[in-house]
C-alpha atoms as a PDB file:
ATOM      1  CA  MET A   1      -7.358  22.839   9.800  1.00  0.00           C
ATOM      2  CA  LYS A   2      -5.474  22.183  13.047  1.00  0.00           C
ATOM      3  CA  LYS A   3      -8.228  19.878  14.288  1.00  0.00           C
ATOM      4  CA  ALA A   4      -8.468  18.089  10.944  1.00  0.00           C
ATOM      5  CA  ASP A   5      -4.689  17.572  10.928  1.00  0.00           C
ATOM      6  CA  TYR A   6      -4.836  16.187  14.460  1.00  0.00           C
ATOM      7  CA  LEU A   7      -7.623  13.716  13.677  1.00  0.00           C
ATOM      8  CA  THR A   8      -6.074  12.733  10.341  1.00  0.00           C
ATOM      9  CA  GLY A   9      -2.713  12.173  12.023  1.00  0.00           C
ATOM     10  CA  LEU A  10      -4.292   9.929  14.659  1.00  0.00           C
ATOM     11  CA  ALA A  11      -6.134   7.961  11.972  1.00  0.00           C
ATOM     12  CA  LEU A  12      -2.909   7.532   9.975  1.00  0.00           C
ATOM     13  CA  ILE A  13      -1.048   6.333  13.064  1.00  0.00           C
ATOM     14  CA  LEU A  14      -3.735   3.763  13.910  1.00  0.00           C
ATOM     15  CA  LEU A  15      -3.943   2.573  10.307  1.00  0.00           C
ATOM     16  CA  SER A  16      -0.152   2.325  10.062  1.00  0.00           C
ATOM     17  CA  VAL A  17       0.157   0.243  13.214  1.00  0.00           C
ATOM     18  CA  TYR A  18      -2.551  -2.111  11.958  1.00  0.00           C
ATOM     19  CA  VAL A  19      -0.933  -2.462   8.510  1.00  0.00           C
ATOM     20  CA  LEU A  20       2.476  -3.091  10.096  1.00  0.00           C
ATOM     21  CA  ALA A  21       1.017  -5.846  12.272  1.00  0.00           C
ATOM     22  CA  GLU A  22      -0.759  -7.455   9.320  1.00  0.00           C
ATOM     23  CA  SER A  23       2.360  -7.152   7.138  1.00  0.00           C
ATOM     24  CA  TRP A  24       4.331  -9.017   9.768  1.00  0.00           C
ATOM     25  CA  ARG A  25       1.764 -11.836   9.690  1.00  0.00           C
ATOM     26  CA  MET A  26       1.990 -12.277   5.896  1.00  0.00           C
ATOM     27  CA  PRO A  27       3.868 -15.321   4.549  1.00  0.00           C
ATOM     28  CA  ARG A  28       7.621 -14.846   4.325  1.00  0.00           C
ATOM     29  CA  MET A  29       8.170 -17.605   1.739  1.00  0.00           C
ATOM     30  CA  GLU A  30      11.160 -18.975   3.637  1.00  0.00           C
ATOM     31  CA  HIS A  31      10.426 -22.434   2.239  1.00  0.00           C
ATOM     32  CA  LEU A  32      11.021 -20.990  -1.251  1.00  0.00           C
ATOM     33  CA  GLN A  33      14.259 -19.348  -0.083  1.00  0.00           C
ATOM     34  CA  ALA A  34      12.903 -16.020  -1.302  1.00  0.00           C
ATOM     35  CA  HIS A  35      14.943 -12.875  -0.857  1.00  0.00           C
ATOM     36  CA  PRO A  36      13.746 -10.976   2.239  1.00  0.00           C
ATOM     37  CA  LEU A  37      12.915  -7.898   0.143  1.00  0.00           C
ATOM     38  CA  SER A  38      10.655  -9.889  -2.193  1.00  0.00           C
ATOM     39  CA  VAL A  39       8.184 -11.164   0.403  1.00  0.00           C
ATOM     40  CA  PRO A  40       4.567  -9.993   0.046  1.00  0.00           C
ATOM     41  CA  GLY A  41       4.509  -7.973   3.280  1.00  0.00           C
ATOM     42  CA  ILE A  42       7.480  -5.738   2.505  1.00  0.00           C
ATOM     43  CA  VAL A  43       5.673  -3.095   0.417  1.00  0.00           C
ATOM     44  CA  PRO A  44       2.709  -2.690   2.796  1.00  0.00           C
ATOM     45  CA  ALA A  45       5.148  -2.488   5.725  1.00  0.00           C
ATOM     46  CA  PHE A  46       7.240   0.162   3.977  1.00  0.00           C
ATOM     47  CA  LEU A  47       4.144   2.209   3.121  1.00  0.00           C
ATOM     48  CA  ALA A  48       2.884   1.842   6.696  1.00  0.00           C
ATOM     49  CA  VAL A  49       6.164   3.190   8.076  1.00  0.00           C
ATOM     50  CA  VAL A  50       5.962   6.187   5.733  1.00  0.00           C
ATOM     51  CA  LEU A  51       2.335   6.845   6.745  1.00  0.00           C
ATOM     52  CA  LEU A  52       3.281   6.447  10.408  1.00  0.00           C
ATOM     53  CA  ILE A  53       5.984   9.095  10.063  1.00  0.00           C
ATOM     54  CA  PHE A  54       3.605  11.485   8.294  1.00  0.00           C
ATOM     55  CA  GLY A  55       0.890  10.795  10.877  1.00  0.00           C
ATOM     56  CA  LEU A  56       3.293  11.596  13.699  1.00  0.00           C
ATOM     57  CA  ILE A  57       4.349  14.816  11.961  1.00  0.00           C
ATOM     58  CA  LEU A  58       0.698  15.861  11.565  1.00  0.00           C
ATOM     59  CA  VAL A  59      -0.092  15.138  15.209  1.00  0.00           C
ATOM     60  CA  VAL A  60       2.967  16.957  16.558  1.00  0.00           C
ATOM     61  CA  ARG A  61       2.354  20.020  14.363  1.00  0.00           C
ATOM     62  CA  SER A  62      -1.332  20.191  15.254  1.00  0.00           C
ATOM     63  CA  VAL A  63      -0.708  19.761  18.993  1.00  0.00           C
ATOM     64  CA  ARG A  64       1.773  22.634  18.880  1.00  0.00           C
ATOM     65  CA  ALA A  65      -0.925  24.739  17.182  1.00  0.00           C
ATOM     66  CA  GLY A  66      -3.652  23.686  19.653  1.00  0.00           C
ATOM     67  CA  GLY A  67      -5.462  21.315  17.307  1.00  0.00           C
ATOM     68  CA  HIS A  68      -5.789  18.646  19.979  1.00  0.00           C
ATOM     69  CA  ARG A  69      -8.483  20.738  21.705  1.00  0.00           C
ATOM     70  CA  LEU A  70     -11.436  19.453  19.713  1.00  0.00           C
ATOM     71  CA  GLY A  71     -14.246  21.194  21.605  1.00  0.00           C
ATOM     72  CA  LEU A  72     -16.868  18.602  20.673  1.00  0.00           C
ATOM     73  CA  SER A  73     -20.538  19.382  21.328  1.00  0.00           C
ATOM     74  CA  ARG A  74     -23.853  17.968  20.157  1.00  0.00           C
ATOM     75  CA  GLU A  75     -24.508  21.045  18.061  1.00  0.00           C
ATOM     76  CA  GLY A  76     -21.060  20.822  16.489  1.00  0.00           C
ATOM     77  CA  ILE A  77     -21.600  17.155  15.632  1.00  0.00           C
ATOM     78  CA  ARG A  78     -25.039  17.915  14.131  1.00  0.00           C
ATOM     79  CA  LYS A  79     -23.543  20.721  12.076  1.00  0.00           C
ATOM     80  CA  ALA A  80     -20.730  18.471  10.859  1.00  0.00           C
ATOM     81  CA  LEU A  81     -23.181  15.709   9.877  1.00  0.00           C
ATOM     82  CA  ALA A  82     -25.360  18.215   7.998  1.00  0.00           C
ATOM     83  CA  ASP A  83     -22.483  18.962   5.615  1.00  0.00           C
ATOM     84  CA  PRO A  84     -22.888  16.875   2.426  1.00  0.00           C
ATOM     85  CA  GLY A  85     -19.135  16.284   2.179  1.00  0.00           C
ATOM     86  CA  ASN A  86     -19.026  14.859   5.691  1.00  0.00           C
ATOM     87  CA  ARG A  87     -22.035  12.648   4.984  1.00  0.00           C
ATOM     88  CA  ARG A  88     -20.297  11.258   1.889  1.00  0.00           C
ATOM     89  CA  LEU A  89     -17.168  10.683   3.959  1.00  0.00           C
ATOM     90  CA  LEU A  90     -19.178   8.825   6.617  1.00  0.00           C
ATOM     91  CA  LEU A  91     -20.946   6.725   3.974  1.00  0.00           C
ATOM     92  CA  THR A  92     -17.579   5.906   2.398  1.00  0.00           C
ATOM     93  CA  ALA A  93     -16.236   4.844   5.796  1.00  0.00           C
ATOM     94  CA  VAL A  94     -19.272   2.632   6.468  1.00  0.00           C
ATOM     95  CA  LEU A  95     -19.126   0.961   3.035  1.00  0.00           C
ATOM     96  CA  THR A  96     -15.388   0.414   3.366  1.00  0.00           C
ATOM     97  CA  PHE A  97     -15.740  -1.019   6.876  1.00  0.00           C
ATOM     98  CA  VAL A  98     -18.439  -3.444   5.742  1.00  0.00           C
ATOM     99  CA  TYR A  99     -16.243  -4.471   2.801  1.00  0.00           C
ATOM    100  CA  ALA A 100     -12.881  -4.787   4.544  1.00  0.00           C
ATOM    101  CA  GLY A 101     -13.965  -5.463   8.099  1.00  0.00           C
ATOM    102  CA  VAL A 102     -16.900  -7.804   7.572  1.00  0.00           C
ATOM    103  CA  LEU A 103     -17.001  -9.344   4.088  1.00  0.00           C
ATOM    104  CA  VAL A 104     -13.338  -9.821   3.135  1.00  0.00           C
ATOM    105  CA  GLY A 105     -12.197 -13.136   4.545  1.00  0.00           C
ATOM    106  CA  HIS A 106     -15.694 -14.609   4.692  1.00  0.00           C
ATOM    107  CA  THR A 107     -16.598 -14.303   1.016  1.00  0.00           C
ATOM    108  CA  PRO A 108     -14.430 -14.976  -2.057  1.00  0.00           C
ATOM    109  CA  TYR A 109     -12.217 -11.938  -2.598  1.00  0.00           C
ATOM    110  CA  ALA A 110     -13.041 -11.295  -6.269  1.00  0.00           C
ATOM    111  CA  LEU A 111     -16.779 -11.519  -5.601  1.00  0.00           C
ATOM    112  CA  VAL A 112     -16.784  -9.200  -2.590  1.00  0.00           C
ATOM    113  CA  THR A 113     -14.446  -6.720  -4.305  1.00  0.00           C
ATOM    114  CA  GLY A 114     -16.657  -6.585  -7.376  1.00  0.00           C
ATOM    115  CA  LEU A 115     -19.727  -6.140  -5.189  1.00  0.00           C
ATOM    116  CA  PHE A 116     -18.044  -3.337  -3.232  1.00  0.00           C
ATOM    117  CA  ILE A 117     -17.034  -1.481  -6.396  1.00  0.00           C
ATOM    118  CA  PHE A 118     -20.507  -1.890  -7.891  1.00  0.00           C
ATOM    119  CA  VAL A 119     -22.315  -0.638  -4.773  1.00  0.00           C
ATOM    120  CA  PHE A 120     -19.838   2.211  -4.273  1.00  0.00           C
ATOM    121  CA  VAL A 121     -20.230   3.506  -7.828  1.00  0.00           C
ATOM    122  CA  VAL A 122     -24.017   3.158  -7.835  1.00  0.00           C
ATOM    123  CA  VAL A 123     -24.414   4.871  -4.448  1.00  0.00           C
ATOM    124  CA  PHE A 124     -22.212   7.829  -5.320  1.00  0.00           C
ATOM    125  CA  GLU A 125     -23.436   8.285  -8.896  1.00  0.00           C
ATOM    126  CA  TRP A 126     -27.136   8.122  -7.983  1.00  0.00           C
ATOM    127  CA  ARG A 127     -29.001  11.440  -7.947  1.00  0.00           C
ATOM    128  CA  ARG A 128     -32.586  12.269  -7.094  1.00  0.00           C
ATOM    129  CA  GLY A 129     -34.766  12.445 -10.157  1.00  0.00           C
ATOM    130  CA  MET A 130     -32.568  10.261 -12.358  1.00  0.00           C
ATOM    131  CA  SER A 131     -34.428   8.705 -15.242  1.00  0.00           C
ATOM    132  CA  PHE A 132     -34.694   4.945 -15.488  1.00  0.00           C
ATOM    133  CA  ARG A 133     -32.403   5.073 -18.504  1.00  0.00           C
ATOM    134  CA  GLU A 134     -29.721   7.013 -16.590  1.00  0.00           C
ATOM    135  CA  MET A 135     -29.955   4.565 -13.695  1.00  0.00           C
ATOM    136  CA  GLY A 136     -29.524   1.698 -16.154  1.00  0.00           C
ATOM    137  CA  ARG A 137     -26.426   3.326 -17.654  1.00  0.00           C
ATOM    138  CA  VAL A 138     -24.926   3.892 -14.211  1.00  0.00           C
ATOM    139  CA  GLY A 139     -25.685   0.295 -13.224  1.00  0.00           C
ATOM    140  CA  LEU A 140     -24.207  -1.088 -16.432  1.00  0.00           C
ATOM    141  CA  ALA A 141     -21.058   1.039 -16.135  1.00  0.00           C
ATOM    142  CA  ALA A 142     -20.702   0.101 -12.460  1.00  0.00           C
ATOM    143  CA  GLY A 143     -21.119  -3.586 -13.304  1.00  0.00           C
ATOM    144  CA  ILE A 144     -18.512  -3.517 -16.064  1.00  0.00           C
ATOM    145  CA  LEU A 145     -16.089  -1.556 -13.885  1.00  0.00           C
ATOM    146  CA  ALA A 146     -16.636  -3.938 -10.958  1.00  0.00           C
ATOM    147  CA  ILE A 147     -15.999  -7.064 -13.035  1.00  0.00           C
ATOM    148  CA  VAL A 148     -12.904  -5.696 -14.784  1.00  0.00           C
ATOM    149  CA  VAL A 149     -11.287  -4.238 -11.656  1.00  0.00           C
ATOM    150  CA  ALA A 150     -12.057  -7.243  -9.428  1.00  0.00           C
ATOM    151  CA  ALA A 151     -10.645  -9.637 -12.030  1.00  0.00           C
ATOM    152  CA  ALA A 152      -7.560  -7.493 -12.682  1.00  0.00           C
ATOM    153  CA  VAL A 153      -6.762  -6.999  -8.996  1.00  0.00           C
ATOM    154  CA  SER A 154      -7.264 -10.668  -8.177  1.00  0.00           C
ATOM    155  CA  TYR A 155      -5.127 -11.805 -11.109  1.00  0.00           C
ATOM    156  CA  THR A 156      -2.364  -9.279 -10.397  1.00  0.00           C
ATOM    157  CA  PHE A 157      -2.024 -10.123  -6.732  1.00  0.00           C
ATOM    158  CA  GLU A 158      -2.418 -13.894  -6.979  1.00  0.00           C
ATOM    159  CA  ARG A 159      -0.464 -14.565 -10.189  1.00  0.00           C
ATOM    160  CA  LEU A 160       2.087 -11.763 -10.437  1.00  0.00           C
ATOM    161  CA  PHE A 161       2.764 -10.860  -6.793  1.00  0.00           C
ATOM    162  CA  LEU A 162       2.054 -14.382  -5.443  1.00  0.00           C
ATOM    163  CA  VAL A 163      -0.098 -12.954  -2.656  1.00  0.00           C
ATOM    164  CA  THR A 164      -2.795 -15.297  -1.399  1.00  0.00           C
ATOM    165  CA  LEU A 165      -5.987 -13.266  -1.217  1.00  0.00           C
ATOM    166  CA  PRO A 166      -8.555 -13.963   1.478  1.00  0.00           C
END
Protein backbone atom coordinates (compact mmCIF):
# COMPACT_ATOMS: atom_id res chain seq x y z
CA MET A 1 0.00 0.00 0.00
CA LYS A 2 2.94 2.33 0.65
CA LYS A 3 4.04 2.11 -2.98
CA ALA A 4 0.49 2.60 -4.26
CA ASP A 5 0.09 5.66 -2.02
CA TYR A 6 3.37 7.07 -3.31
CA LEU A 7 2.45 6.61 -6.98
CA THR A 8 -1.11 7.84 -6.43
CA GLY A 9 0.18 10.91 -4.61
CA LEU A 10 2.56 11.72 -7.46
CA ALA A 11 -0.23 11.29 -10.01
CA LEU A 12 -2.53 13.57 -7.98
CA ILE A 13 0.18 16.22 -7.73
CA LEU A 14 0.84 16.17 -11.48
CA LEU A 15 -2.87 16.23 -12.29
CA SER A 16 -3.46 19.08 -9.84
CA VAL A 17 -0.70 21.23 -11.30
CA TYR A 18 -2.08 20.66 -14.80
CA VAL A 19 -5.66 21.50 -13.75
CA LEU A 20 -4.47 24.63 -11.93
CA ALA A 21 -2.63 25.80 -15.04
CA GLU A 22 -5.64 25.13 -17.27
CA SER A 23 -7.99 26.81 -14.78
CA TRP A 24 -5.85 29.92 -14.91
CA ARG A 25 -6.15 29.96 -18.71
CA MET A 26 -9.97 29.80 -18.66
CA PRO A 27 -11.91 32.98 -19.49
CA ARG A 28 -12.37 35.33 -16.54
CA MET A 29 -15.38 37.16 -18.01
CA GLU A 30 -13.96 40.55 -17.04
CA HIS A 31 -15.81 42.12 -19.97
CA LEU A 32 -19.08 41.00 -18.32
CA GLN A 33 -17.94 42.41 -14.97
CA ALA A 34 -18.52 38.99 -13.44
CA HIS A 35 -17.77 38.41 -9.78
CA PRO A 36 -14.33 36.77 -9.41
CA LEU A 37 -15.86 33.75 -7.65
CA SER A 38 -18.28 33.09 -10.52
CA VAL A 39 -15.71 32.60 -13.28
CA PRO A 40 -15.59 29.15 -14.92
CA GLY A 41 -12.09 28.27 -13.68
CA ILE A 42 -12.76 28.77 -9.97
CA VAL A 43 -14.26 25.35 -9.20
CA PRO A 44 -11.62 23.33 -11.08
CA ALA A 45 -8.90 25.43 -9.41
CA PHE A 46 -10.39 24.86 -5.96
CA LEU A 47 -10.67 21.11 -6.57
CA ALA A 48 -7.10 21.04 -7.91
CA VAL A 49 -5.80 22.71 -4.74
CA VAL A 50 -7.63 20.16 -2.59
CA LEU A 51 -6.24 17.27 -4.68
CA LEU A 52 -2.77 18.82 -4.51
CA ILE A 53 -2.93 18.92 -0.72
CA PHE A 54 -4.11 15.30 -0.54
CA GLY A 55 -1.45 14.24 -3.05
CA LEU A 56 1.25 15.89 -0.97
CA ILE A 57 -0.05 14.19 2.18
CA LEU A 58 0.02 10.80 0.43
CA VAL A 59 3.56 11.31 -0.83
CA VAL A 60 4.92 12.51 2.52
CA ARG A 61 3.27 9.64 4.42
CA SER A 62 4.48 7.02 1.95
CA VAL A 63 8.04 8.37 1.87
CA ARG A 64 8.17 8.19 5.66
CA ALA A 65 7.04 4.55 5.41
CA GLY A 66 9.53 3.71 2.63
CA GLY A 67 7.01 3.63 -0.20
CA HIS A 68 9.26 5.63 -2.50
CA ARG A 69 11.50 2.57 -2.94
CA LEU A 70 9.58 0.98 -5.80
CA GLY A 71 11.94 -1.90 -6.59
CA LEU A 72 10.84 -2.19 -10.22
CA SER A 73 11.90 -5.24 -12.22
CA ARG A 74 10.80 -6.86 -15.47
CA GLU A 75 9.26 -9.76 -13.59
CA GLY A 76 7.40 -7.39 -11.28
CA ILE A 77 6.04 -5.44 -14.25
CA ARG A 78 4.96 -8.67 -16.00
CA LYS A 79 3.24 -9.83 -12.83
CA ALA A 80 1.47 -6.49 -12.44
CA LEU A 81 0.28 -6.54 -16.07
CA ALA A 82 -1.01 -10.11 -15.67
CA ASP A 83 -3.48 -8.94 -13.01
CA PRO A 84 -6.91 -8.35 -14.62
CA GLY A 85 -7.55 -5.29 -12.44
CA ASN A 86 -4.31 -3.67 -13.59
CA ARG A 87 -5.10 -4.46 -17.22
CA ARG A 88 -8.50 -2.78 -16.85
CA LEU A 89 -6.81 0.20 -15.22
CA LEU A 90 -4.31 0.45 -18.10
CA LEU A 91 -7.09 0.16 -20.69
CA THR A 92 -9.04 2.88 -18.87
CA ALA A 93 -5.97 5.12 -18.89
CA VAL A 94 -5.40 4.54 -22.62
CA LEU A 95 -9.04 5.21 -23.54
CA THR A 96 -9.11 8.32 -21.37
CA PHE A 97 -5.84 9.61 -22.84
CA VAL A 98 -7.11 9.12 -26.39
CA TYR A 99 -10.34 10.91 -25.45
CA ALA A 100 -8.95 13.83 -23.45
CA GLY A 101 -5.46 14.09 -24.88
CA VAL A 102 -6.10 13.48 -28.57
CA LEU A 103 -9.75 13.87 -29.56
CA VAL A 104 -11.06 16.67 -27.32
CA GLY A 105 -10.27 19.96 -29.00
CA HIS A 106 -10.07 18.47 -32.49
CA THR A 107 -13.57 17.01 -32.69
CA PRO A 108 -16.88 18.51 -31.51
CA TYR A 109 -17.12 17.96 -27.76
CA ALA A 110 -20.58 16.33 -27.67
CA LEU A 111 -19.65 13.91 -30.45
CA VAL A 112 -16.33 12.83 -28.94
CA THR A 113 -17.83 12.56 -25.44
CA GLY A 114 -20.65 10.37 -26.71
CA LEU A 115 -18.18 8.22 -28.62
CA PHE A 116 -15.96 7.86 -25.55
CA ILE A 117 -18.88 6.81 -23.34
CA PHE A 118 -20.13 4.35 -25.95
CA VAL A 119 -16.72 2.71 -26.46
CA PHE A 120 -15.99 2.65 -22.73
CA VAL A 121 -19.26 0.91 -21.87
CA VAL A 122 -19.02 -1.58 -24.73
CA VAL A 123 -15.39 -2.46 -23.96
CA PHE A 124 -15.97 -3.02 -20.26
CA GLU A 125 -19.33 -4.80 -20.58
CA TRP A 126 -18.15 -7.20 -23.30
CA ARG A 127 -17.46 -10.77 -22.19
CA ARG A 128 -16.20 -13.77 -24.12
CA GLY A 129 -19.01 -15.96 -25.33
CA MET A 130 -21.69 -13.26 -25.27
CA SER A 131 -24.61 -14.02 -27.52
CA PHE A 132 -25.41 -11.71 -30.40
CA ARG A 133 -28.55 -10.65 -28.56
CA GLU A 134 -26.58 -9.72 -25.41
CA MET A 135 -24.09 -7.76 -27.50
CA GLY A 136 -26.98 -5.91 -29.13
CA ARG A 137 -28.46 -5.03 -25.74
CA VAL A 138 -25.11 -3.77 -24.48
CA GLY A 139 -24.62 -1.73 -27.66
CA LEU A 140 -28.12 -0.26 -27.46
CA ALA A 141 -27.76 0.62 -23.77
CA ALA A 142 -24.31 2.11 -24.40
CA GLY A 143 -25.67 4.16 -27.30
CA ILE A 144 -28.59 5.54 -25.30
CA LEU A 145 -26.34 6.31 -22.33
CA ALA A 146 -23.78 8.01 -24.59
CA ILE A 147 -26.35 10.24 -26.29
CA VAL A 148 -28.12 11.25 -23.07
CA VAL A 149 -24.95 11.94 -21.07
CA ALA A 150 -23.15 13.79 -23.89
CA ALA A 151 -26.19 15.99 -24.50
CA ALA A 152 -26.76 16.65 -20.79
CA VAL A 153 -23.12 17.50 -20.08
CA SER A 154 -22.83 19.75 -23.12
CA TYR A 155 -26.06 21.57 -22.31
CA THR A 156 -25.20 21.97 -18.62
CA PHE A 157 -21.75 23.39 -19.19
CA GLU A 158 -22.54 25.61 -22.17
CA ARG A 159 -25.96 26.94 -21.13
CA LEU A 160 -25.99 26.84 -17.33
CA PHE A 161 -22.31 27.32 -16.41
CA LEU A 162 -21.46 29.41 -19.52
CA VAL A 163 -18.32 27.35 -20.13
CA THR A 164 -17.23 27.20 -23.75
CA LEU A 165 -16.48 23.57 -24.50
CA PRO A 166 -13.72 22.63 -26.92
